[in-house]
Amino acid sequence: MLSGRMLKHTSKITIPTPLAQQAVELSYRKQTQGNKVWQQKFGYPEIALNLLMASNGRSELGYTFGLYPSIQFSLFKRRNTNLFGKIGGGIGYVTRFWDRIPEADTLNNIIGGRINNVSMFQLGVRYYINQHWSLQTGFDFYHASNASARQPNFGINTYGFFLGSSYHPKGYKHPFEHVQEDASLNKLRFGLRLSFAMSEDKIPNGPMYPSYHFSGFVQKFYRNKSYLTFGADASYYEKLYALFTMNGMYKNEEKQHAWRYSIYAGHEFLFGKIGFPLHLGFYLNRPIEGPRFYQKLGMNYHFYQRRSSFIKDIFVSAILKTHLVQAEQAEFGFGFFF
């Protein structure tokens, strides 16, 4: 059970925020056993598939349903007590969203469409009652938004606390394995990534504009669990081209100025074939005024890994690009390393 309150992070949210929100989360978890190096390095975490069912606290805001994978880390253990952190993200469905009619929906400018991203963060304490049952409580924060694919998109941000229990069919104490680290993974590798995004531009129910993104980067694997990344992005925005042509800007050079170029540094936590990248980028040019810096976070699935071949890794990705709390778009693409 989760109980919390919506965070009103901007004065542009017009609907009164609810005093309380309630949610239920069901999880199927698996304890890793240490038969992979990354499992050892991350303290034998639990991986899980979660179902979130949340009331958003007002009839105008409806309900949020989320289905997402997660990973849970042990931060500190002592006897029957375990301090843990949990992070996860997946797909969500929101029953009420902004619409021109009826009047109640015009006030709900938090969410612009039914299909959204749902992300969950938890910090808690688990107490093991016996071999099979445990109790857990702590603080949580979950977020639902569509990454500006549909406007408006301020997002539902809820903070609060949770209380629950877990049943361990085989008992929670297992003998963990230990495998030898592979030093050959620590070499530099070079990669390319191509991605695509769709987004509205400020006007609800307006036109959808595509954007195309090309990235080249170098990575260094360290401590057998993470990648350090340095790279450069080139992005073409149809909405910038439309803006320039409709307003007579950059006459005969609209396409050239619809490109954005940037450099970035990043870090990717790697859990087997699943990676969670975090990027901080700096724009080299700004066709229109705006922030100098951006952030990216998301998930990579490395479905092909062959160290002996020329192409050593192929992955697909879903990446959210933001300017601090303001999401710009969700990018979907693929990449490879050689």
C-alpha atoms as a PDB file:
ATOM      1  CA  MET A   1       0.000   0.000   0.000  1.00  0.00           C
ATOM      2  CA  LEU A   2       1.215   3.473  -0.914  1.00  0.00           C
ATOM      3  CA  SER A   3      -0.097   6.786   0.405  1.00  0.00           C
ATOM      4  CA  GLY A   4       1.090  10.178  -0.723  1.00  0.00           C
ATOM      5  CA  ARG A   5       0.421  13.632  -2.054  1.00  0.00           C
ATOM      6  CA  MET A   6       0.871  15.220  -5.458  1.00  0.00           C
ATOM      7  CA  LEU A   7       3.821  17.577  -5.858  1.00  0.00           C
ATOM      8  CA  LYS A   8       2.744  20.832  -7.538  1.00  0.00           C
ATOM      9  CA  HIS A   9       6.085  21.727  -9.084  1.00  0.00           C
ATOM     10  CA  THR A  10       4.840  24.683 -11.158  1.00  0.00           C
ATOM     11  CA  SER A  11       2.226  27.408 -10.762  1.00  0.00           C
ATOM     12  CA  LYS A  12       0.992  26.578 -14.285  1.00  0.00           C
ATOM     13  CA  ILE A  13      -0.878  23.533 -12.919  1.00  0.00           C
ATOM     14  CA  THR A  14      -4.431  24.891 -12.764  1.00  0.00           C
ATOM     15  CA  ILE A  15      -6.329  22.102 -11.015  1.00  0.00           C
ATOM     16  CA  PRO A  16      -6.309  22.056  -7.180  1.00  0.00           C
ATOM     17  CA  THR A  17      -3.934  19.335  -6.022  1.00  0.00           C
ATOM     18  CA  PRO A  18      -5.553  16.562  -3.969  1.00  0.00           C
ATOM     19  CA  LEU A  19      -4.867  16.290  -0.260  1.00  0.00           C
ATOM     20  CA  ALA A  20      -4.081  12.574  -0.488  1.00  0.00           C
ATOM     21  CA  GLN A  21      -3.553   9.810  -3.041  1.00  0.00           C
ATOM     22  CA  GLN A  22      -3.736   6.065  -2.487  1.00  0.00           C
ATOM     23  CA  ALA A  23      -2.145   3.252  -4.473  1.00  0.00           C
ATOM     24  CA  VAL A  24      -1.580  -0.500  -4.441  1.00  0.00           C
ATOM     25  CA  GLU A  25       1.498  -2.201  -5.901  1.00  0.00           C
ATOM     26  CA  LEU A  26       1.847  -5.915  -6.628  1.00  0.00           C
ATOM     27  CA  SER A  27       5.320  -7.312  -7.360  1.00  0.00           C
ATOM     28  CA  TYR A  28       6.828 -10.584  -8.523  1.00  0.00           C
ATOM     29  CA  ARG A  29      10.487 -10.618  -7.464  1.00  0.00           C
ATOM     30  CA  LYS A  30      13.500 -12.802  -8.072  1.00  0.00           C
ATOM     31  CA  GLN A  31      16.610 -12.814  -5.933  1.00  0.00           C
ATOM     32  CA  THR A  32      19.811 -12.907  -8.013  1.00  0.00           C
ATOM     33  CA  GLN A  33      22.287 -15.586  -6.923  1.00  0.00           C
ATOM     34  CA  GLY A  34      25.639 -14.126  -7.967  1.00  0.00           C
ATOM     35  CA  ASN A  35      26.243 -16.315 -11.031  1.00  0.00           C
ATOM     36  CA  LYS A  36      26.995 -13.123 -13.001  1.00  0.00           C
ATOM     37  CA  VAL A  37      29.677 -10.580 -12.131  1.00  0.00           C
ATOM     38  CA  TRP A  38      27.222  -7.669 -12.176  1.00  0.00           C
ATOM     39  CA  GLN A  39      25.092  -9.431  -9.556  1.00  0.00           C
ATOM     40  CA  GLN A  40      28.092  -9.610  -7.227  1.00  0.00           C
ATOM     41  CA  LYS A  41      29.057  -5.990  -7.876  1.00  0.00           C
ATOM     42  CA  PHE A  42      25.576  -4.687  -7.080  1.00  0.00           C
ATOM     43  CA  GLY A  43      25.190  -6.744  -3.910  1.00  0.00           C
ATOM     44  CA  TYR A  44      22.930  -9.506  -5.287  1.00  0.00           C
ATOM     45  CA  PRO A  45      19.912  -7.280  -6.076  1.00  0.00           C
ATOM     46  CA  GLU A  46      16.318  -8.358  -6.634  1.00  0.00           C
ATOM     47  CA  ILE A  47      14.733  -7.930 -10.061  1.00  0.00           C
ATOM     48  CA  ALA A  48      10.958  -7.612 -10.283  1.00  0.00           C
ATOM     49  CA  LEU A  49       7.908  -7.010 -12.441  1.00  0.00           C
ATOM     50  CA  ASN A  50       5.475  -4.584 -10.797  1.00  0.00           C
ATOM     51  CA  LEU A  51       1.833  -3.604 -11.273  1.00  0.00           C
ATOM     52  CA  LEU A  52       0.837  -0.182  -9.884  1.00  0.00           C
ATOM     53  CA  MET A  53      -2.807   0.849  -9.422  1.00  0.00           C
ATOM     54  CA  ALA A  54      -3.159   4.428  -8.127  1.00  0.00           C
ATOM     55  CA  SER A  55      -6.009   6.818  -7.427  1.00  0.00           C
ATOM     56  CA  ASN A  56      -4.892  10.346  -8.321  1.00  0.00           C
ATOM     57  CA  GLY A  57      -6.992  11.861  -5.531  1.00  0.00           C
ATOM     58  CA  ARG A  58      -9.625  13.751  -7.545  1.00  0.00           C
ATOM     59  CA  SER A  59     -12.325  12.566  -9.946  1.00  0.00           C
ATOM     60  CA  GLU A  60     -10.982  14.956 -12.605  1.00  0.00           C
ATOM     61  CA  LEU A  61      -7.568  13.267 -12.422  1.00  0.00           C
ATOM     62  CA  GLY A  62      -8.874   9.692 -12.552  1.00  0.00           C
ATOM     63  CA  TYR A  63      -6.576   6.705 -12.010  1.00  0.00           C
ATOM     64  CA  THR A  64      -3.068   5.691 -13.055  1.00  0.00           C
ATOM     65  CA  PHE A  65      -2.127   2.105 -13.923  1.00  0.00           C
ATOM     66  CA  GLY A  66       1.492   1.149 -14.469  1.00  0.00           C
ATOM     67  CA  LEU A  67       3.385  -1.995 -15.488  1.00  0.00           C
ATOM     68  CA  TYR A  68       7.134  -1.781 -15.065  1.00  0.00           C
ATOM     69  CA  PRO A  69      10.289  -3.791 -14.298  1.00  0.00           C
ATOM     70  CA  SER A  70      12.489  -2.730 -11.392  1.00  0.00           C
ATOM     71  CA  ILE A  71      15.688  -3.534  -9.581  1.00  0.00           C
ATOM     72  CA  GLN A  72      16.104  -3.374  -5.819  1.00  0.00           C
ATOM     73  CA  PHE A  73      19.486  -2.920  -4.116  1.00  0.00           C
ATOM     74  CA  SER A  74      20.539  -3.763  -0.615  1.00  0.00           C
ATOM     75  CA  LEU A  75      22.239  -0.668   0.850  1.00  0.00           C
ATOM     76  CA  PHE A  76      22.866  -1.946   4.352  1.00  0.00           C
ATOM     77  CA  LYS A  77      22.200  -5.260   6.119  1.00  0.00           C
ATOM     78  CA  ARG A  78      22.195  -6.170   9.776  1.00  0.00           C
ATOM     79  CA  ARG A  79      20.765  -9.424  11.080  1.00  0.00           C
ATOM     80  CA  ASN A  80      17.057  -9.427  10.125  1.00  0.00           C
ATOM     81  CA  THR A  81      16.987  -5.818   8.841  1.00  0.00           C
ATOM     82  CA  ASN A  82      17.792  -4.576   5.346  1.00  0.00           C
ATOM     83  CA  LEU A  83      17.963  -0.972   4.097  1.00  0.00           C
ATOM     84  CA  PHE A  84      17.195  -0.957   0.369  1.00  0.00           C
ATOM     85  CA  GLY A  85      16.680   1.260  -2.656  1.00  0.00           C
ATOM     86  CA  LYS A  86      14.435   0.503  -5.624  1.00  0.00           C
ATOM     87  CA  ILE A  87      14.248   2.031  -9.091  1.00  0.00           C
ATOM     88  CA  GLY A  88      11.986   1.106 -11.998  1.00  0.00           C
ATOM     89  CA  GLY A  89      10.172   2.431 -15.024  1.00  0.00           C
ATOM     90  CA  GLY A  90       7.706   1.263 -17.647  1.00  0.00           C
ATOM     91  CA  ILE A  91       4.421   1.963 -19.386  1.00  0.00           C
ATOM     92  CA  GLY A  92       1.372   3.579 -17.790  1.00  0.00           C
ATOM     93  CA  TYR A  93      -2.279   4.273 -18.558  1.00  0.00           C
ATOM     94  CA  VAL A  94      -4.123   7.335 -17.188  1.00  0.00           C
ATOM     95  CA  THR A  95      -7.944   7.316 -17.280  1.00  0.00           C
ATOM     96  CA  ARG A  96      -8.509  11.113 -17.231  1.00  0.00           C
ATOM     97  CA  PHE A  97      -6.466  13.633 -19.200  1.00  0.00           C
ATOM     98  CA  TRP A  98      -6.755  17.131 -20.679  1.00  0.00           C
ATOM     99  CA  ASP A  99      -9.489  17.691 -23.239  1.00  0.00           C
ATOM    100  CA  ARG A 100     -11.243  20.762 -24.615  1.00  0.00           C
ATOM    101  CA  ILE A 101     -14.547  19.524 -23.187  1.00  0.00           C
ATOM    102  CA  PRO A 102     -15.997  19.012 -20.614  1.00  0.00           C
ATOM    103  CA  GLU A 103     -15.015  21.932 -18.398  1.00  0.00           C
ATOM    104  CA  ALA A 104     -13.553  19.685 -15.676  1.00  0.00           C
ATOM    105  CA  ASP A 105     -11.063  18.239 -18.165  1.00  0.00           C
ATOM    106  CA  THR A 106      -9.881  21.670 -19.321  1.00  0.00           C
ATOM    107  CA  LEU A 107      -8.663  22.275 -15.754  1.00  0.00           C
ATOM    108  CA  ASN A 108      -6.715  19.006 -15.789  1.00  0.00           C
ATOM    109  CA  ASN A 109      -3.617  20.284 -17.581  1.00  0.00           C
ATOM    110  CA  ILE A 110      -1.273  17.807 -15.897  1.00  0.00           C
ATOM    111  CA  ILE A 111      -1.543  14.975 -18.437  1.00  0.00           C
ATOM    112  CA  GLY A 112      -2.222  15.288 -22.180  1.00  0.00           C
ATOM    113  CA  GLY A 113      -2.912  11.661 -23.192  1.00  0.00           C
ATOM    114  CA  ARG A 114      -3.754   8.165 -21.979  1.00  0.00           C
ATOM    115  CA  ILE A 115      -0.424   6.393 -22.643  1.00  0.00           C
ATOM    116  CA  ASN A 116       2.407   7.561 -20.405  1.00  0.00           C
ATOM    117  CA  ASN A 117       5.680   6.616 -18.812  1.00  0.00           C
ATOM    118  CA  VAL A 118       5.574   5.525 -15.162  1.00  0.00           C
ATOM    119  CA  SER A 119       8.716   5.706 -13.007  1.00  0.00           C
ATOM    120  CA  MET A 120       9.109   4.592  -9.400  1.00  0.00           C
ATOM    121  CA  PHE A 121      11.763   5.341  -6.774  1.00  0.00           C
ATOM    122  CA  GLN A 122      11.731   3.897  -3.255  1.00  0.00           C
ATOM    123  CA  LEU A 123      13.952   3.970  -0.193  1.00  0.00           C
ATOM    124  CA  GLY A 124      12.886   1.613   2.556  1.00  0.00           C
ATOM    125  CA  VAL A 125      13.614  -0.840   5.330  1.00  0.00           C
ATOM    126  CA  ARG A 126      12.734  -4.545   5.242  1.00  0.00           C
ATOM    127  CA  TYR A 127      12.387  -6.637   8.356  1.00  0.00           C
ATOM    128  CA  TYR A 128      12.497 -10.435   8.016  1.00  0.00           C
ATOM    129  CA  ILE A 129       9.940 -12.029  10.348  1.00  0.00           C
ATOM    130  CA  ASN A 130      11.004 -15.577   9.472  1.00  0.00           C
ATOM    131  CA  GLN A 131      12.348 -17.553   6.521  1.00  0.00           C
ATOM    132  CA  HIS A 132       9.295 -16.839   4.370  1.00  0.00           C
ATOM    133  CA  TRP A 133       7.707 -13.556   5.464  1.00  0.00           C
ATOM    134  CA  SER A 134       9.050 -10.010   5.633  1.00  0.00           C
ATOM    135  CA  LEU A 135       7.646  -6.520   6.197  1.00  0.00           C
ATOM    136  CA  GLN A 136       8.827  -3.369   4.458  1.00  0.00           C
ATOM    137  CA  THR A 137       8.159   0.336   4.832  1.00  0.00           C
ATOM    138  CA  GLY A 138       9.738   3.551   3.609  1.00  0.00           C
ATOM    139  CA  PHE A 139       9.414   6.535   1.314  1.00  0.00           C
ATOM    140  CA  ASP A 140       8.461   6.552  -2.372  1.00  0.00           C
ATOM    141  CA  PHE A 141       8.216   8.926  -5.316  1.00  0.00           C
ATOM    142  CA  TYR A 142       6.486   8.022  -8.574  1.00  0.00           C
ATOM    143  CA  HIS A 143       6.007   9.982 -11.769  1.00  0.00           C
ATOM    144  CA  ALA A 144       3.698   9.664 -14.787  1.00  0.00           C
ATOM    145  CA  SER A 145       4.027  11.709 -17.990  1.00  0.00           C
ATOM    146  CA  ASN A 146       4.161  11.311 -21.766  1.00  0.00           C
ATOM    147  CA  ALA A 147       7.481  13.135 -22.331  1.00  0.00           C
ATOM    148  CA  SER A 148       5.712  15.990 -24.182  1.00  0.00           C
ATOM    149  CA  ALA A 149       4.445  13.697 -26.936  1.00  0.00           C
ATOM    150  CA  ARG A 150       1.048  15.253 -26.131  1.00  0.00           C
ATOM    151  CA  GLN A 151       0.435  18.636 -24.513  1.00  0.00           C
ATOM    152  CA  PRO A 152      -0.104  19.660 -21.763  1.00  0.00           C
ATOM    153  CA  ASN A 153       2.436  17.540 -19.929  1.00  0.00           C
ATOM    154  CA  PHE A 154       3.406  18.760 -16.476  1.00  0.00           C
ATOM    155  CA  GLY A 155       3.157  15.186 -15.186  1.00  0.00           C
ATOM    156  CA  ILE A 156       1.815  13.547 -12.067  1.00  0.00           C
ATOM    157  CA  ASN A 157       4.472  13.571  -9.345  1.00  0.00           C
ATOM    158  CA  THR A 158       3.540  11.873  -6.076  1.00  0.00           C
ATOM    159  CA  TYR A 159       5.623  11.573  -2.930  1.00  0.00           C
ATOM    160  CA  GLY A 160       4.715   9.662   0.210  1.00  0.00           C
ATOM    161  CA  PHE A 161       5.318   6.449   2.107  1.00  0.00           C
ATOM    162  CA  PHE A 162       4.570   2.746   1.650  1.00  0.00           C
ATOM    163  CA  LEU A 163       3.873  -0.256   3.840  1.00  0.00           C
ATOM    164  CA  GLY A 164       3.762  -3.845   2.639  1.00  0.00           C
ATOM    165  CA  SER A 165       4.773  -7.453   3.072  1.00  0.00           C
ATOM    166  CA  SER A 166       6.530 -10.113   0.992  1.00  0.00           C
ATOM    167  CA  TYR A 167       6.350 -13.897   0.866  1.00  0.00           C
ATOM    168  CA  HIS A 168       9.475 -15.876  -0.064  1.00  0.00           C
ATOM    169  CA  PRO A 169       8.416 -19.401  -1.152  1.00  0.00           C
ATOM    170  CA  LYS A 170      11.915 -20.927  -0.842  1.00  0.00           C
ATOM    171  CA  GLY A 171      13.083 -18.781   2.025  1.00  0.00           C
ATOM    172  CA  TYR A 172      15.081 -15.575   1.772  1.00  0.00           C
ATOM    173  CA  LYS A 173      18.495 -16.978   2.777  1.00  0.00           C
ATOM    174  CA  HIS A 174      20.368 -18.467  -0.180  1.00  0.00           C
ATOM    175  CA  PRO A 175      24.038 -19.401  -0.668  1.00  0.00           C
ATOM    176  CA  PHE A 176      25.338 -16.813  -3.156  1.00  0.00           C
ATOM    177  CA  GLU A 177      27.769 -17.816  -5.866  1.00  0.00           C
ATOM    178  CA  HIS A 178      31.002 -16.099  -6.817  1.00  0.00           C
ATOM    179  CA  VAL A 179      32.438 -15.945 -10.353  1.00  0.00           C
ATOM    180  CA  GLN A 180      35.725 -14.568 -11.645  1.00  0.00           C
ATOM    181  CA  GLU A 181      35.829 -11.047 -13.127  1.00  0.00           C
ATOM    182  CA  ASP A 182      36.752 -10.656 -16.814  1.00  0.00           C
ATOM    183  CA  ALA A 183      39.460  -7.997 -17.279  1.00  0.00           C
ATOM    184  CA  SER A 184      39.060  -8.056 -21.101  1.00  0.00           C
ATOM    185  CA  LEU A 185      35.803  -6.100 -20.784  1.00  0.00           C
ATOM    186  CA  ASN A 186      37.640  -2.995 -19.571  1.00  0.00           C
ATOM    187  CA  LYS A 187      38.809  -1.894 -23.026  1.00  0.00           C
ATOM    188  CA  LEU A 188      37.611   1.287 -24.736  1.00  0.00           C
ATOM    189  CA  ARG A 189      34.871   0.812 -27.298  1.00  0.00           C
ATOM    190  CA  PHE A 190      33.224   3.109 -29.840  1.00  0.00           C
ATOM    191  CA  GLY A 191      29.527   3.310 -30.629  1.00  0.00           C
ATOM    192  CA  LEU A 192      26.827   4.901 -32.761  1.00  0.00           C
ATOM    193  CA  ARG A 193      23.169   5.464 -31.898  1.00  0.00           C
ATOM    194  CA  LEU A 194      20.215   6.492 -34.088  1.00  0.00           C
ATOM    195  CA  SER A 195      16.883   7.531 -32.585  1.00  0.00           C
ATOM    196  CA  PHE A 196      13.521   9.093 -33.403  1.00  0.00           C
ATOM    197  CA  ALA A 197      10.953  11.094 -31.413  1.00  0.00           C
ATOM    198  CA  MET A 198       7.519  12.676 -31.909  1.00  0.00           C
ATOM    199  CA  SER A 199       6.189  15.654 -29.958  1.00  0.00           C
ATOM    200  CA  GLU A 200       3.631  18.432 -30.031  1.00  0.00           C
ATOM    201  CA  ASP A 201       4.816  22.020 -29.841  1.00  0.00           C
ATOM    202  CA  LYS A 202       3.034  23.875 -27.016  1.00  0.00           C
ATOM    203  CA  ILE A 203      -0.486  23.754 -28.508  1.00  0.00           C
ATOM    204  CA  PRO A 204      -2.701  20.897 -27.190  1.00  0.00           C
ATOM    205  CA  ASN A 205      -4.162  18.713 -29.947  1.00  0.00           C
ATOM    206  CA  GLY A 206      -1.840  20.423 -32.406  1.00  0.00           C
ATOM    207  CA  PRO A 207       0.419  18.882 -35.061  1.00  0.00           C
ATOM    208  CA  MET A 208       2.985  16.233 -34.165  1.00  0.00           C
ATOM    209  CA  TYR A 209       6.557  16.957 -35.253  1.00  0.00           C
ATOM    210  CA  PRO A 210       9.246  14.289 -35.696  1.00  0.00           C
ATOM    211  CA  SER A 211      12.881  14.736 -34.741  1.00  0.00           C
ATOM    212  CA  TYR A 212      15.912  12.634 -35.698  1.00  0.00           C
ATOM    213  CA  HIS A 213      19.012  12.100 -33.546  1.00  0.00           C
ATOM    214  CA  PHE A 214      22.491  10.829 -34.342  1.00  0.00           C
ATOM    215  CA  SER A 215      25.089  10.153 -31.663  1.00  0.00           C
ATOM    216  CA  GLY A 216      28.690   8.997 -31.690  1.00  0.00           C
ATOM    217  CA  PHE A 217      30.491   8.131 -28.454  1.00  0.00           C
ATOM    218  CA  VAL A 218      33.291   6.304 -26.696  1.00  0.00           C
ATOM    219  CA  GLN A 219      32.804   4.161 -23.570  1.00  0.00           C
ATOM    220  CA  LYS A 220      35.016   2.776 -20.852  1.00  0.00           C
ATOM    221  CA  PHE A 221      33.852  -0.178 -18.741  1.00  0.00           C
ATOM    222  CA  TYR A 222      34.948   0.006 -15.105  1.00  0.00           C
ATOM    223  CA  ARG A 223      34.511  -2.060 -11.943  1.00  0.00           C
ATOM    224  CA  ASN A 224      32.747  -4.685 -14.091  1.00  0.00           C
ATOM    225  CA  LYS A 225      29.375  -2.973 -13.639  1.00  0.00           C
ATOM    226  CA  SER A 226      29.265   0.482 -15.274  1.00  0.00           C
ATOM    227  CA  TYR A 227      30.222   2.474 -18.372  1.00  0.00           C
ATOM    228  CA  LEU A 228      31.650   5.976 -18.513  1.00  0.00           C
ATOM    229  CA  THR A 229      30.559   7.681 -21.751  1.00  0.00           C
ATOM    230  CA  PHE A 230      31.686  10.741 -23.725  1.00  0.00           C
ATOM    231  CA  GLY A 231      29.983  11.646 -26.976  1.00  0.00           C
ATOM    232  CA  ALA A 232      28.433  14.133 -29.379  1.00  0.00           C
ATOM    233  CA  ASP A 233      24.850  14.509 -30.645  1.00  0.00           C
ATOM    234  CA  ALA A 234      23.413  15.945 -33.853  1.00  0.00           C
ATOM    235  CA  SER A 235      19.616  16.387 -33.870  1.00  0.00           C
ATOM    236  CA  TYR A 236      17.250  17.595 -36.589  1.00  0.00           C
ATOM    237  CA  TYR A 237      13.876  19.068 -35.482  1.00  0.00           C
ATOM    238  CA  GLU A 238      10.950  19.362 -37.892  1.00  0.00           C
ATOM    239  CA  LYS A 239       9.217  21.754 -35.479  1.00  0.00           C
ATOM    240  CA  LEU A 240      12.145  24.200 -35.746  1.00  0.00           C
ATOM    241  CA  TYR A 241      11.992  24.006 -39.533  1.00  0.00           C
ATOM    242  CA  ALA A 242       8.233  24.711 -39.411  1.00  0.00           C
ATOM    243  CA  LEU A 243       8.784  27.625 -37.007  1.00  0.00           C
ATOM    244  CA  PHE A 244      11.426  29.235 -39.214  1.00  0.00           C
ATOM    245  CA  THR A 245       9.487  28.841 -42.478  1.00  0.00           C
ATOM    246  CA  MET A 246       6.218  30.164 -41.015  1.00  0.00           C
ATOM    247  CA  ASN A 247       7.909  33.199 -39.454  1.00  0.00           C
ATOM    248  CA  GLY A 248      10.334  34.061 -42.257  1.00  0.00           C
ATOM    249  CA  MET A 249      13.406  33.307 -40.140  1.00  0.00           C
ATOM    250  CA  TYR A 250      16.757  32.230 -41.620  1.00  0.00           C
ATOM    251  CA  LYS A 251      15.482  32.727 -45.166  1.00  0.00           C
ATOM    252  CA  ASN A 252      16.620  29.885 -47.480  1.00  0.00           C
ATOM    253  CA  GLU A 253      18.611  28.378 -44.600  1.00  0.00           C
ATOM    254  CA  GLU A 254      15.768  26.980 -42.519  1.00  0.00           C
ATOM    255  CA  LYS A 255      16.965  23.357 -42.692  1.00  0.00           C
ATOM    256  CA  GLN A 256      20.523  24.177 -41.664  1.00  0.00           C
ATOM    257  CA  HIS A 257      19.307  26.051 -38.589  1.00  0.00           C
ATOM    258  CA  ALA A 258      16.873  23.284 -37.608  1.00  0.00           C
ATOM    259  CA  TRP A 259      19.869  21.229 -36.395  1.00  0.00           C
ATOM    260  CA  ARG A 260      21.065  21.191 -32.790  1.00  0.00           C
ATOM    261  CA  TYR A 261      24.576  20.046 -31.918  1.00  0.00           C
ATOM    262  CA  SER A 262      25.834  19.098 -28.463  1.00  0.00           C
ATOM    263  CA  ILE A 263      28.441  17.219 -26.479  1.00  0.00           C
ATOM    264  CA  TYR A 264      27.743  15.144 -23.399  1.00  0.00           C
ATOM    265  CA  ALA A 265      29.189  13.040 -20.602  1.00  0.00           C
ATOM    266  CA  GLY A 266      27.325  10.087 -19.191  1.00  0.00           C
ATOM    267  CA  HIS A 267      27.229   7.040 -17.002  1.00  0.00           C
ATOM    268  CA  GLU A 268      25.426   3.746 -17.588  1.00  0.00           C
ATOM    269  CA  PHE A 269      24.712   1.223 -14.856  1.00  0.00           C
ATOM    270  CA  LEU A 270      24.723  -2.233 -16.457  1.00  0.00           C
ATOM    271  CA  PHE A 271      22.677  -5.105 -15.041  1.00  0.00           C
ATOM    272  CA  GLY A 272      23.401  -7.973 -17.419  1.00  0.00           C
ATOM    273  CA  LYS A 273      21.759  -6.949 -20.695  1.00  0.00           C
ATOM    274  CA  ILE A 274      19.845  -4.031 -19.163  1.00  0.00           C
ATOM    275  CA  GLY A 275      21.501  -0.625 -18.869  1.00  0.00           C
ATOM    276  CA  PHE A 276      20.301   2.629 -17.296  1.00  0.00           C
ATOM    277  CA  PRO A 277      22.107   5.583 -18.920  1.00  0.00           C
ATOM    278  CA  LEU A 278      22.303   9.084 -17.424  1.00  0.00           C
ATOM    279  CA  HIS A 279      23.644  11.935 -19.585  1.00  0.00           C
ATOM    280  CA  LEU A 280      24.462  15.604 -19.010  1.00  0.00           C
ATOM    281  CA  GLY A 281      24.737  17.516 -22.283  1.00  0.00           C
ATOM    282  CA  PHE A 282      25.826  20.984 -23.387  1.00  0.00           C
ATOM    283  CA  TYR A 283      24.453  22.637 -26.543  1.00  0.00           C
ATOM    284  CA  LEU A 284      27.068  23.901 -29.007  1.00  0.00           C
ATOM    285  CA  ASN A 285      24.450  25.947 -30.843  1.00  0.00           C
ATOM    286  CA  ARG A 286      20.978  27.301 -30.013  1.00  0.00           C
ATOM    287  CA  PRO A 287      18.814  28.127 -33.059  1.00  0.00           C
ATOM    288  CA  ILE A 288      16.307  29.637 -30.611  1.00  0.00           C
ATOM    289  CA  GLU A 289      16.766  30.823 -27.038  1.00  0.00           C
ATOM    290  CA  GLY A 290      16.663  28.174 -24.389  1.00  0.00           C
ATOM    291  CA  PRO A 291      18.722  26.290 -21.803  1.00  0.00           C
ATOM    292  CA  ARG A 292      22.385  25.610 -22.340  1.00  0.00           C
ATOM    293  CA  PHE A 293      22.271  22.203 -20.681  1.00  0.00           C
ATOM    294  CA  TYR A 294      20.056  19.136 -20.985  1.00  0.00           C
ATOM    295  CA  GLN A 295      19.721  15.772 -19.279  1.00  0.00           C
ATOM    296  CA  LYS A 296      18.881  12.310 -20.610  1.00  0.00           C
ATOM    297  CA  LEU A 297      17.905   9.188 -18.720  1.00  0.00           C
ATOM    298  CA  GLY A 298      16.335   5.930 -19.769  1.00  0.00           C
ATOM    299  CA  MET A 299      17.003   2.285 -20.519  1.00  0.00           C
ATOM    300  CA  ASN A 300      19.095   0.293 -23.018  1.00  0.00           C
ATOM    301  CA  TYR A 301      18.516  -3.363 -23.813  1.00  0.00           C
ATOM    302  CA  HIS A 302      21.737  -4.960 -25.114  1.00  0.00           C
ATOM    303  CA  PHE A 303      20.226  -7.954 -26.875  1.00  0.00           C
ATOM    304  CA  TYR A 304      23.354  -8.869 -28.914  1.00  0.00           C
ATOM    305  CA  GLN A 305      26.755  -9.177 -27.229  1.00  0.00           C
ATOM    306  CA  ARG A 306      29.694 -10.824 -29.034  1.00  0.00           C
ATOM    307  CA  ARG A 307      33.129  -9.688 -27.865  1.00  0.00           C
ATOM    308  CA  SER A 308      34.969 -11.641 -30.584  1.00  0.00           C
ATOM    309  CA  SER A 309      33.122 -10.060 -33.568  1.00  0.00           C
ATOM    310  CA  PHE A 310      33.605  -6.656 -35.251  1.00  0.00           C
ATOM    311  CA  ILE A 311      30.209  -5.446 -33.984  1.00  0.00           C
ATOM    312  CA  LYS A 312      30.402  -6.333 -30.319  1.00  0.00           C
ATOM    313  CA  ASP A 313      27.068  -5.052 -29.042  1.00  0.00           C
ATOM    314  CA  ILE A 314      23.674  -4.081 -30.489  1.00  0.00           C
ATOM    315  CA  PHE A 315      21.027  -2.468 -28.328  1.00  0.00           C
ATOM    316  CA  VAL A 316      17.637  -0.771 -28.437  1.00  0.00           C
ATOM    317  CA  SER A 317      16.861   2.194 -26.236  1.00  0.00           C
ATOM    318  CA  ALA A 318      14.120   4.379 -24.788  1.00  0.00           C
ATOM    319  CA  ILE A 319      15.498   7.706 -23.549  1.00  0.00           C
ATOM    320  CA  LEU A 320      13.774  10.677 -21.914  1.00  0.00           C
ATOM    321  CA  LYS A 321      15.314  14.066 -22.666  1.00  0.00           C
ATOM    322  CA  THR A 322      14.654  16.882 -20.186  1.00  0.00           C
ATOM    323  CA  HIS A 323      15.679  20.388 -19.232  1.00  0.00           C
ATOM    324  CA  LEU A 324      15.626  19.852 -15.453  1.00  0.00           C
ATOM    325  CA  VAL A 325      11.934  19.190 -14.569  1.00  0.00           C
ATOM    326  CA  GLN A 326      10.646  20.061 -18.071  1.00  0.00           C
ATOM    327  CA  ALA A 327      10.532  17.046 -20.409  1.00  0.00           C
ATOM    328  CA  GLU A 328      11.251  17.740 -24.074  1.00  0.00           C
ATOM    329  CA  GLN A 329      10.669  14.354 -25.705  1.00  0.00           C
ATOM    330  CA  ALA A 330      11.051  10.591 -25.522  1.00  0.00           C
ATOM    331  CA  GLU A 331      13.562   9.129 -27.996  1.00  0.00           C
ATOM    332  CA  PHE A 332      13.346   5.545 -29.287  1.00  0.00           C
ATOM    333  CA  GLY A 333      16.203   4.055 -31.238  1.00  0.00           C
ATOM    334  CA  PHE A 334      18.990   1.530 -31.588  1.00  0.00           C
ATOM    335  CA  GLY A 335      22.760   1.536 -31.477  1.00  0.00           C
ATOM    336  CA  PHE A 336      25.838  -0.615 -31.727  1.00  0.00           C
ATOM    337  CA  PHE A 337      29.446  -0.841 -30.543  1.00  0.00           C
ATOM    338  CA  PHE A 338      32.551  -1.951 -32.415  1.00  0.00           C
END
